[in-house]
C-alpha cells in the first residue's frame, strides 16, 4: 500500500514523474497512479462544478488539470474494471467464465 502524502507533495511528485514516467507495472508506477488520483481529487472544489477553483484543497491551473485528467484516462483505459483486472464478476462473487 502506498503511503499518502499531502496534496502539494503529491503534485510535486506527479510533476517530476511527468518528464520521466516510471516503468508500467512497477511499484513506482503504482505510486505515480495513486499520487495522480490524489492530485486530481484535491484539485476539485467540494462545492461542485460551479464553485471557484480557489476553493479546492489544491487549486491548479485548468490546463494542467486537463493534462493530468487526460493522463489518468489513458492509464485507466488499459484496465477498464479498475483495481480488478478480471472484471466485476469476481468482486460480486460471480464466476463469469464460460463453461
N, C-alpha and C. Protein backbone atom coordinates (compact mmCIF):
# COMPACT_ATOMS: atom_id res chain seq x y z
N UNK A 1 0.85 -1.18 0.00
CA UNK A 1 0.00 0.00 0.00
C UNK A 1 0.89 1.24 0.00
N UNK A 2 0.49 2.21 -0.75
CA UNK A 2 1.25 3.44 -0.86
C UNK A 2 0.83 4.41 0.24
N UNK A 3 1.82 4.98 0.92
CA UNK A 3 1.51 5.97 1.94
C UNK A 3 1.12 7.27 1.28
N UNK A 4 -0.01 7.85 1.72
CA UNK A 4 -0.45 9.12 1.16
C UNK A 4 0.37 10.25 1.77
N UNK A 5 0.58 11.27 0.99
CA UNK A 5 1.29 12.47 1.43
C UNK A 5 0.33 13.64 1.26
N UNK A 6 0.75 14.82 1.67
CA UNK A 6 -0.13 15.97 1.48
C UNK A 6 -0.25 16.28 -0.01
N UNK A 7 -1.29 17.02 -0.37
CA UNK A 7 -1.61 17.28 -1.77
C UNK A 7 -0.49 17.99 -2.52
N UNK A 8 0.18 18.94 -1.87
CA UNK A 8 1.25 19.67 -2.55
C UNK A 8 2.44 18.76 -2.84
N UNK A 9 2.77 17.87 -1.92
CA UNK A 9 3.86 16.92 -2.15
C UNK A 9 3.49 15.97 -3.28
N UNK A 10 2.23 15.52 -3.30
CA UNK A 10 1.77 14.65 -4.37
C UNK A 10 1.89 15.35 -5.72
N UNK A 11 1.52 16.63 -5.77
CA UNK A 11 1.64 17.39 -7.02
C UNK A 11 3.09 17.48 -7.46
N UNK A 12 3.99 17.74 -6.53
CA UNK A 12 5.42 17.82 -6.87
C UNK A 12 5.92 16.49 -7.44
N UNK A 13 5.51 15.38 -6.82
CA UNK A 13 5.93 14.07 -7.31
C UNK A 13 5.37 13.79 -8.70
N UNK A 14 4.09 14.12 -8.90
CA UNK A 14 3.47 13.88 -10.21
C UNK A 14 4.17 14.70 -11.28
N UNK A 15 4.43 15.97 -11.00
CA UNK A 15 5.10 16.83 -11.98
C UNK A 15 6.50 16.31 -12.30
N UNK A 16 7.21 15.84 -11.30
CA UNK A 16 8.55 15.29 -11.53
C UNK A 16 8.50 14.04 -12.40
N UNK A 17 7.48 13.21 -12.18
CA UNK A 17 7.38 11.97 -12.94
C UNK A 17 6.76 12.14 -14.32
N UNK A 18 6.17 13.30 -14.59
CA UNK A 18 5.63 13.54 -15.93
C UNK A 18 6.75 13.54 -16.97
N UNK A 19 7.89 14.05 -16.60
CA UNK A 19 9.02 14.13 -17.53
C UNK A 19 9.64 12.76 -17.80
N UNK A 20 9.75 11.95 -16.78
CA UNK A 20 10.33 10.61 -16.91
C UNK A 20 9.41 9.62 -16.20
N UNK A 21 8.36 9.17 -16.89
CA UNK A 21 7.39 8.27 -16.26
C UNK A 21 8.05 6.95 -15.84
N UNK A 22 7.56 6.36 -14.76
CA UNK A 22 8.10 5.07 -14.32
C UNK A 22 7.70 3.94 -15.27
N UNK A 23 8.40 2.84 -15.15
CA UNK A 23 8.11 1.65 -15.95
C UNK A 23 6.72 1.14 -15.61
N UNK A 24 5.85 0.93 -16.61
CA UNK A 24 4.49 0.44 -16.33
C UNK A 24 4.52 -0.86 -15.52
N UNK A 25 3.67 -0.93 -14.51
CA UNK A 25 3.58 -2.12 -13.67
C UNK A 25 4.55 -2.14 -12.50
N UNK A 26 5.46 -1.19 -12.45
CA UNK A 26 6.44 -1.16 -11.36
C UNK A 26 5.81 -0.54 -10.11
N UNK A 27 6.42 -0.74 -8.96
CA UNK A 27 5.92 -0.09 -7.73
C UNK A 27 5.89 1.44 -7.87
N UNK A 28 6.87 2.00 -8.58
CA UNK A 28 6.89 3.44 -8.80
C UNK A 28 5.70 3.88 -9.65
N UNK A 29 5.33 3.04 -10.63
CA UNK A 29 4.18 3.34 -11.48
C UNK A 29 2.89 3.31 -10.65
N UNK A 30 2.80 2.35 -9.74
CA UNK A 30 1.62 2.28 -8.87
C UNK A 30 1.55 3.54 -8.00
N UNK A 31 2.68 3.95 -7.44
CA UNK A 31 2.71 5.16 -6.61
C UNK A 31 2.33 6.38 -7.44
N UNK A 32 2.83 6.44 -8.68
CA UNK A 32 2.50 7.55 -9.57
C UNK A 32 0.99 7.62 -9.79
N UNK A 33 0.35 6.48 -10.02
CA UNK A 33 -1.10 6.44 -10.21
C UNK A 33 -1.85 6.93 -8.99
N UNK A 34 -1.40 6.52 -7.81
CA UNK A 34 -2.04 6.95 -6.57
C UNK A 34 -1.89 8.45 -6.39
N UNK A 35 -0.68 8.96 -6.62
CA UNK A 35 -0.43 10.40 -6.47
C UNK A 35 -1.24 11.20 -7.49
N UNK A 36 -1.34 10.68 -8.72
CA UNK A 36 -2.11 11.36 -9.77
C UNK A 36 -3.57 11.48 -9.36
N UNK A 37 -4.15 10.37 -8.87
CA UNK A 37 -5.55 10.42 -8.43
C UNK A 37 -5.73 11.36 -7.24
N UNK A 38 -4.74 11.38 -6.34
CA UNK A 38 -4.81 12.27 -5.18
C UNK A 38 -4.79 13.74 -5.62
N UNK A 39 -3.92 14.07 -6.56
CA UNK A 39 -3.83 15.45 -7.05
C UNK A 39 -5.13 15.86 -7.72
N UNK A 40 -5.67 15.00 -8.56
CA UNK A 40 -6.92 15.32 -9.24
C UNK A 40 -8.07 15.50 -8.24
N UNK A 41 -8.14 14.64 -7.25
CA UNK A 41 -9.20 14.76 -6.25
C UNK A 41 -9.04 16.05 -5.44
N UNK A 42 -7.80 16.41 -5.11
CA UNK A 42 -7.56 17.61 -4.31
C UNK A 42 -7.79 18.89 -5.11
N UNK A 43 -7.76 18.79 -6.44
CA UNK A 43 -7.92 19.98 -7.26
C UNK A 43 -9.38 20.31 -7.57
N UNK A 44 -10.29 19.48 -7.08
CA UNK A 44 -11.72 19.69 -7.30
C UNK A 44 -12.32 20.33 -6.06
N UNK A 45 -13.10 21.36 -6.26
CA UNK A 45 -13.77 22.03 -5.15
C UNK A 45 -14.84 21.12 -4.55
N UNK A 46 -15.02 21.20 -3.25
CA UNK A 46 -16.04 20.41 -2.57
C UNK A 46 -17.45 20.84 -2.94
N UNK A 47 -17.61 22.05 -3.47
CA UNK A 47 -18.93 22.59 -3.74
C UNK A 47 -19.44 22.27 -5.14
N UNK A 48 -18.74 21.44 -5.88
CA UNK A 48 -19.22 21.03 -7.20
C UNK A 48 -18.60 21.84 -8.33
N UNK A 49 -19.13 21.63 -9.52
CA UNK A 49 -18.59 22.20 -10.75
C UNK A 49 -18.62 23.72 -10.79
N UNK A 50 -19.67 24.34 -10.22
CA UNK A 50 -19.83 25.79 -10.31
C UNK A 50 -18.96 26.56 -9.33
N UNK A 51 -18.32 25.87 -8.41
CA UNK A 51 -17.53 26.55 -7.39
C UNK A 51 -16.23 27.08 -7.98
N UNK A 52 -15.68 28.07 -7.35
CA UNK A 52 -14.42 28.66 -7.75
C UNK A 52 -13.30 27.66 -7.48
N UNK A 53 -12.38 27.48 -8.43
CA UNK A 53 -11.30 26.52 -8.22
C UNK A 53 -10.40 26.91 -7.06
N UNK A 54 -10.43 28.16 -6.62
CA UNK A 54 -9.64 28.58 -5.47
C UNK A 54 -10.16 27.93 -4.18
N UNK A 55 -11.40 27.42 -4.20
CA UNK A 55 -11.96 26.74 -3.04
C UNK A 55 -11.42 25.32 -2.89
N UNK A 56 -10.75 24.80 -3.89
CA UNK A 56 -10.22 23.44 -3.85
C UNK A 56 -9.06 23.37 -2.86
N UNK A 57 -8.82 22.18 -2.35
CA UNK A 57 -7.69 21.96 -1.44
C UNK A 57 -6.38 22.28 -2.16
N UNK A 58 -6.30 21.93 -3.43
CA UNK A 58 -5.10 22.15 -4.23
C UNK A 58 -5.51 22.83 -5.54
N UNK A 59 -5.62 24.15 -5.53
CA UNK A 59 -6.01 24.83 -6.78
C UNK A 59 -4.86 24.75 -7.80
N UNK A 60 -5.16 24.17 -8.95
CA UNK A 60 -4.16 24.10 -10.01
C UNK A 60 -4.75 24.71 -11.28
N UNK A 61 -3.87 25.09 -12.16
CA UNK A 61 -4.25 25.70 -13.43
C UNK A 61 -5.13 24.73 -14.21
N UNK A 62 -6.14 25.25 -14.88
CA UNK A 62 -7.08 24.43 -15.64
C UNK A 62 -6.38 23.62 -16.73
N UNK A 63 -5.39 24.20 -17.39
CA UNK A 63 -4.69 23.46 -18.45
C UNK A 63 -3.89 22.29 -17.87
N UNK A 64 -3.31 22.48 -16.70
CA UNK A 64 -2.59 21.39 -16.05
C UNK A 64 -3.57 20.31 -15.62
N UNK A 65 -4.71 20.70 -15.07
CA UNK A 65 -5.71 19.71 -14.67
C UNK A 65 -6.16 18.89 -15.87
N UNK A 66 -6.40 19.55 -17.00
CA UNK A 66 -6.82 18.83 -18.21
C UNK A 66 -5.74 17.85 -18.66
N UNK A 67 -4.50 18.27 -18.58
CA UNK A 67 -3.38 17.39 -18.96
C UNK A 67 -3.32 16.17 -18.03
N UNK A 68 -3.49 16.40 -16.72
CA UNK A 68 -3.45 15.30 -15.76
C UNK A 68 -4.66 14.38 -15.92
N UNK A 69 -5.84 14.95 -16.20
CA UNK A 69 -7.02 14.13 -16.43
C UNK A 69 -6.86 13.26 -17.66
N UNK A 70 -6.27 13.80 -18.72
CA UNK A 70 -6.03 13.03 -19.94
C UNK A 70 -5.07 11.87 -19.64
N UNK A 71 -4.05 12.14 -18.87
CA UNK A 71 -3.10 11.10 -18.49
C UNK A 71 -3.80 10.02 -17.66
N UNK A 72 -4.64 10.42 -16.73
CA UNK A 72 -5.37 9.46 -15.90
C UNK A 72 -6.29 8.60 -16.77
N UNK A 73 -6.96 9.21 -17.74
CA UNK A 73 -7.83 8.43 -18.64
C UNK A 73 -7.03 7.42 -19.45
N UNK A 74 -5.85 7.82 -19.94
CA UNK A 74 -5.01 6.88 -20.70
C UNK A 74 -4.56 5.73 -19.81
N UNK A 75 -4.21 6.04 -18.57
CA UNK A 75 -3.78 4.99 -17.64
C UNK A 75 -4.94 4.05 -17.33
N UNK A 76 -6.14 4.59 -17.15
CA UNK A 76 -7.30 3.78 -16.81
C UNK A 76 -7.84 2.99 -18.00
N UNK A 77 -7.54 3.42 -19.21
CA UNK A 77 -8.04 2.74 -20.41
C UNK A 77 -7.51 1.32 -20.49
N UNK A 78 -6.31 1.09 -19.98
CA UNK A 78 -5.71 -0.24 -20.02
C UNK A 78 -6.43 -1.20 -19.07
N UNK A 79 -7.13 -0.67 -18.08
CA UNK A 79 -7.81 -1.50 -17.10
C UNK A 79 -9.20 -0.92 -16.82
N UNK A 80 -10.17 -1.18 -17.69
CA UNK A 80 -11.49 -0.56 -17.56
C UNK A 80 -12.26 -0.99 -16.31
N UNK A 81 -11.81 -2.06 -15.64
CA UNK A 81 -12.51 -2.53 -14.45
C UNK A 81 -11.84 -2.05 -13.16
N UNK A 82 -10.99 -1.05 -13.27
CA UNK A 82 -10.36 -0.50 -12.08
C UNK A 82 -9.33 -1.44 -11.49
N UNK A 83 -9.40 -1.63 -10.19
CA UNK A 83 -8.39 -2.42 -9.50
C UNK A 83 -8.53 -3.92 -9.74
N UNK A 84 -9.65 -4.37 -10.28
CA UNK A 84 -9.85 -5.78 -10.53
C UNK A 84 -9.75 -6.06 -12.02
N UNK A 85 -8.60 -6.50 -12.51
CA UNK A 85 -8.42 -6.69 -13.94
C UNK A 85 -9.28 -7.82 -14.52
N UNK A 86 -9.86 -8.67 -13.67
CA UNK A 86 -10.69 -9.77 -14.16
C UNK A 86 -12.14 -9.37 -14.35
N UNK A 87 -12.47 -8.14 -14.11
CA UNK A 87 -13.83 -7.68 -14.31
C UNK A 87 -14.60 -7.56 -13.01
N UNK A 88 -15.87 -7.25 -13.14
CA UNK A 88 -16.70 -7.02 -11.98
C UNK A 88 -17.24 -8.29 -11.36
N UNK A 89 -17.38 -9.35 -12.14
CA UNK A 89 -17.96 -10.59 -11.63
C UNK A 89 -17.27 -11.10 -10.38
N UNK A 90 -15.94 -11.24 -10.37
CA UNK A 90 -15.28 -11.74 -9.17
C UNK A 90 -15.49 -10.87 -7.94
N UNK A 91 -15.64 -9.57 -8.14
CA UNK A 91 -15.86 -8.70 -6.98
C UNK A 91 -17.25 -8.89 -6.40
N UNK A 92 -18.16 -9.41 -7.21
CA UNK A 92 -19.53 -9.65 -6.76
C UNK A 92 -19.75 -11.10 -6.37
N UNK A 93 -18.69 -11.91 -6.44
CA UNK A 93 -18.80 -13.31 -6.06
C UNK A 93 -19.37 -14.18 -7.16
N UNK A 94 -19.29 -13.73 -8.40
CA UNK A 94 -19.83 -14.49 -9.52
C UNK A 94 -18.69 -15.06 -10.35
N UNK A 95 -18.92 -16.19 -10.95
CA UNK A 95 -17.97 -16.78 -11.88
C UNK A 95 -18.48 -16.48 -13.28
N UNK A 96 -17.80 -15.61 -14.00
CA UNK A 96 -18.28 -15.20 -15.32
C UNK A 96 -17.54 -15.91 -16.46
N UNK A 97 -16.71 -16.87 -16.10
CA UNK A 97 -16.00 -17.62 -17.14
C UNK A 97 -16.98 -18.49 -17.91
N UNK A 98 -16.65 -18.70 -19.17
CA UNK A 98 -17.50 -19.58 -19.99
C UNK A 98 -17.25 -21.02 -19.57
N UNK A 99 -18.31 -21.77 -19.46
CA UNK A 99 -18.19 -23.18 -19.04
C UNK A 99 -17.89 -24.07 -20.20
